[in-house]
Amino acid sequence: MQGHLGGFRIERFFDDGTYPNSRLPLLFYEAALPRGEASPEAMEALFEANGWPPAWRASVFTYHHYHSTAHETLGVARGSARLMLGGPEGREFDVDPGDVIVIPAGVAHRRLDSSSDFLVVGCYPPGQTWDLLRGESGDRPMADHNIARVPKPTSDPVGGRLGPLVSHWL
């Protein structure tokens, strides 16, 4: 199963001194699943079919955080939200059902606002487990070391082995 690759865009976020962000681009798929077909089950099926096992259903933390040991994918299953990606100096994104965001290890993210029914399906590449860092003074340089060691996935959670992640994360 492949999602819709139409509304695809690439965003880059660089080290701001607190949040390492990444040399790999963040990938944003607008309506990877058609808006009317998005659901937790449909999002999980999309990720599973493309080699990214679904890991959780929840919201997004309201504080800036990042993961140094895993790349993370967020699939909006229900509701809408405004997210801040890239840390305090990053950019705001409005997300709706069916949208998918692939966040490279190190890229800060948080929820600014959301509808009461906002629900995200989260997943990670096989074999990767996440940690939770908040940009505190003791996080680095260990976080930088961890990020450099996170392997690149062999498939895209929306497009599979031929999806954009495979070529944009060379």
Protein backbone atom coordinates (compact mmCIF):
# COMPACT_ATOMS: atom_id res chain seq x y z
CA MET A 1 0.00 0.00 0.00
CA GLN A 2 1.37 3.37 -0.95
CA GLY A 3 0.03 6.72 0.10
CA HIS A 4 -0.54 9.73 -2.10
CA LEU A 5 2.78 11.42 -2.94
CA GLY A 6 1.28 14.59 -4.43
CA GLY A 7 1.53 17.27 -1.72
CA PHE A 8 5.12 16.50 -0.80
CA ARG A 9 7.60 19.07 0.44
CA ILE A 10 11.04 19.15 2.01
CA GLU A 11 12.03 21.34 4.93
CA ARG A 12 15.50 21.78 6.43
CA PHE A 13 16.28 22.73 10.01
CA PHE A 14 19.82 23.33 11.19
CA ASP A 15 21.53 23.32 14.57
CA ASP A 16 20.48 26.38 16.58
CA GLY A 17 22.90 25.75 19.45
CA THR A 18 20.24 24.13 21.65
CA TYR A 19 18.46 21.76 19.26
CA PRO A 20 20.74 19.83 16.91
CA ASN A 21 18.12 19.42 14.19
CA SER A 22 19.59 17.55 11.21
CA ARG A 23 21.47 17.59 7.95
CA LEU A 24 18.67 15.29 6.70
CA PRO A 25 15.53 17.09 5.54
CA LEU A 26 12.16 16.76 7.23
CA LEU A 27 9.58 15.34 4.81
CA PHE A 28 5.98 16.59 4.83
CA TYR A 29 3.28 14.70 2.92
CA GLU A 30 0.07 16.69 2.69
CA ALA A 31 -2.91 14.32 2.50
CA ALA A 32 -0.80 11.18 2.15
CA LEU A 33 -4.14 9.52 2.83
CA PRO A 34 -7.23 11.25 1.45
CA ARG A 35 -8.77 13.47 4.14
CA GLY A 36 -12.03 11.50 4.23
CA GLU A 37 -10.23 8.15 4.49
CA ALA A 38 -7.77 9.01 7.28
CA SER A 39 -8.23 7.00 10.46
CA PRO A 40 -5.90 5.40 13.01
CA GLU A 41 -6.36 2.03 11.33
CA ALA A 42 -5.72 3.38 7.82
CA MET A 43 -2.58 5.23 8.97
CA GLU A 44 -1.27 2.13 10.73
CA ALA A 45 -1.95 0.02 7.63
CA LEU A 46 -0.06 2.52 5.44
CA PHE A 47 2.99 2.53 7.71
CA GLU A 48 2.99 -1.24 8.21
CA ALA A 49 2.73 -1.89 4.45
CA ASN A 50 5.78 0.32 3.88
CA GLY A 51 7.98 -1.30 6.51
CA TRP A 52 7.48 1.11 9.43
CA PRO A 53 5.72 -0.70 12.29
CA PRO A 54 3.16 1.53 14.06
CA ALA A 55 4.27 2.21 17.64
CA TRP A 56 1.65 4.40 19.33
CA ARG A 57 -1.51 6.50 19.09
CA ALA A 58 -1.52 9.80 20.98
CA SER A 59 -0.98 13.51 20.51
CA VAL A 60 2.29 15.46 20.27
CA PHE A 61 3.95 16.86 23.38
CA THR A 62 3.37 20.58 23.99
CA TYR A 63 7.06 21.24 24.72
CA HIS A 64 10.02 21.28 22.34
CA HIS A 65 11.65 17.88 22.26
CA TYR A 66 13.63 15.65 19.94
CA HIS A 67 14.86 12.09 19.63
CA SER A 68 18.56 11.32 19.25
CA THR A 69 18.22 7.55 18.74
CA ALA A 70 15.47 7.27 16.11
CA HIS A 71 13.79 8.91 13.17
CA GLU A 72 10.09 9.45 13.86
CA THR A 73 7.01 9.56 11.63
CA LEU A 74 3.79 11.26 12.68
CA GLY A 75 0.61 10.44 10.79
CA VAL A 76 -2.42 12.61 11.53
CA ALA A 77 -5.33 10.19 11.94
CA ARG A 78 -7.95 12.60 13.26
CA GLY A 79 -8.41 16.29 14.05
CA SER A 80 -6.08 19.17 13.25
CA ALA A 81 -3.19 20.97 14.91
CA ARG A 82 -0.53 23.58 14.58
CA LEU A 83 2.96 22.16 15.16
CA MET A 84 6.28 23.94 15.59
CA LEU A 85 9.09 22.07 13.87
CA GLY A 86 12.79 22.85 14.17
CA GLY A 87 12.72 24.38 17.67
CA PRO A 88 11.82 27.92 18.76
CA GLU A 89 13.46 29.37 15.64
CA GLY A 90 11.77 26.82 13.36
CA ARG A 91 8.53 27.03 11.41
CA GLU A 92 4.86 26.43 12.19
CA PHE A 93 2.91 23.81 10.25
CA ASP A 94 -0.83 23.26 10.14
CA VAL A 95 -1.68 19.57 9.94
CA ASP A 96 -4.93 17.81 9.09
CA PRO A 97 -6.15 14.22 8.79
CA GLY A 98 -4.08 12.24 6.31
CA ASP A 99 -0.93 14.37 6.65
CA VAL A 100 2.35 12.58 7.41
CA ILE A 101 5.58 14.11 8.69
CA VAL A 102 8.89 12.23 8.69
CA ILE A 103 11.12 13.80 11.33
CA PRO A 104 14.86 13.01 11.20
CA ALA A 105 16.59 12.23 14.48
CA GLY A 106 17.53 15.49 16.18
CA VAL A 107 14.77 17.69 14.77
CA ALA A 108 12.83 19.45 17.54
CA HIS A 109 9.04 19.41 17.44
CA ARG A 110 6.06 20.38 19.59
CA ARG A 111 2.31 20.95 19.44
CA LEU A 112 1.24 24.58 19.71
CA ASP A 113 -2.52 24.07 19.45
CA SER A 114 -4.96 21.38 18.36
CA SER A 115 -8.57 20.40 18.04
CA SER A 116 -9.93 18.32 20.91
CA ASP A 117 -10.03 15.19 18.72
CA PHE A 118 -6.43 15.46 17.45
CA LEU A 119 -4.85 12.01 17.18
CA VAL A 120 -1.53 10.97 15.70
CA VAL A 121 -0.14 7.54 14.84
CA GLY A 122 3.59 7.42 15.51
CA CYS A 123 6.15 5.00 14.12
CA TYR A 124 9.89 4.43 13.77
CA PRO A 125 12.01 2.42 11.35
CA PRO A 126 12.46 -1.22 12.37
CA GLY A 127 15.02 -1.65 15.13
CA GLN A 128 15.01 1.99 16.24
CA THR A 129 13.83 3.00 19.69
CA TRP A 130 13.29 6.58 20.74
CA ASP A 131 14.66 8.59 23.60
CA LEU A 132 13.27 11.95 24.72
CA LEU A 133 15.47 15.04 24.93
CA ARG A 134 14.30 18.57 25.67
CA GLY A 135 17.28 20.70 24.70
CA GLU A 136 18.77 20.81 28.20
CA SER A 137 22.41 21.78 28.68
CA GLY A 138 23.52 18.22 29.48
CA ASP A 139 21.97 16.65 26.36
CA ARG A 140 24.90 17.33 24.10
CA PRO A 141 27.44 16.14 22.92
CA MET A 142 25.99 12.65 23.57
CA ALA A 143 22.90 13.54 21.52
CA ASP A 144 25.10 14.56 18.58
CA HIS A 145 26.97 11.26 18.85
CA ASN A 146 23.70 9.30 18.92
CA ILE A 147 22.20 11.18 15.96
CA ALA A 148 25.26 10.49 13.82
CA ARG A 149 24.82 6.76 14.48
CA VAL A 150 21.11 6.47 13.63
CA PRO A 151 20.87 4.43 10.42
CA LYS A 152 18.91 5.73 7.47
CA PRO A 153 15.72 3.76 6.78
CA THR A 154 15.56 1.49 3.75
CA SER A 155 11.99 2.51 2.93
CA ASP A 156 9.70 5.51 3.06
CA PRO A 157 6.68 5.21 5.42
CA VAL A 158 4.38 6.59 2.70
CA GLY A 159 6.00 5.54 -0.57
CA GLY A 160 7.79 2.33 0.34
CA ARG A 161 11.13 1.37 -1.17
CA LEU A 162 10.69 3.83 -4.04
CA GLY A 163 9.44 6.74 -1.93
CA PRO A 164 11.06 10.17 -1.66
CA LEU A 165 12.82 9.43 1.63
CA VAL A 166 15.05 6.88 -0.08
CA SER A 167 16.39 9.45 -2.57
CA HIS A 168 16.33 12.58 -0.37
CA TRP A 169 18.15 10.93 2.52
CA LEU A 170 21.10 9.55 0.51
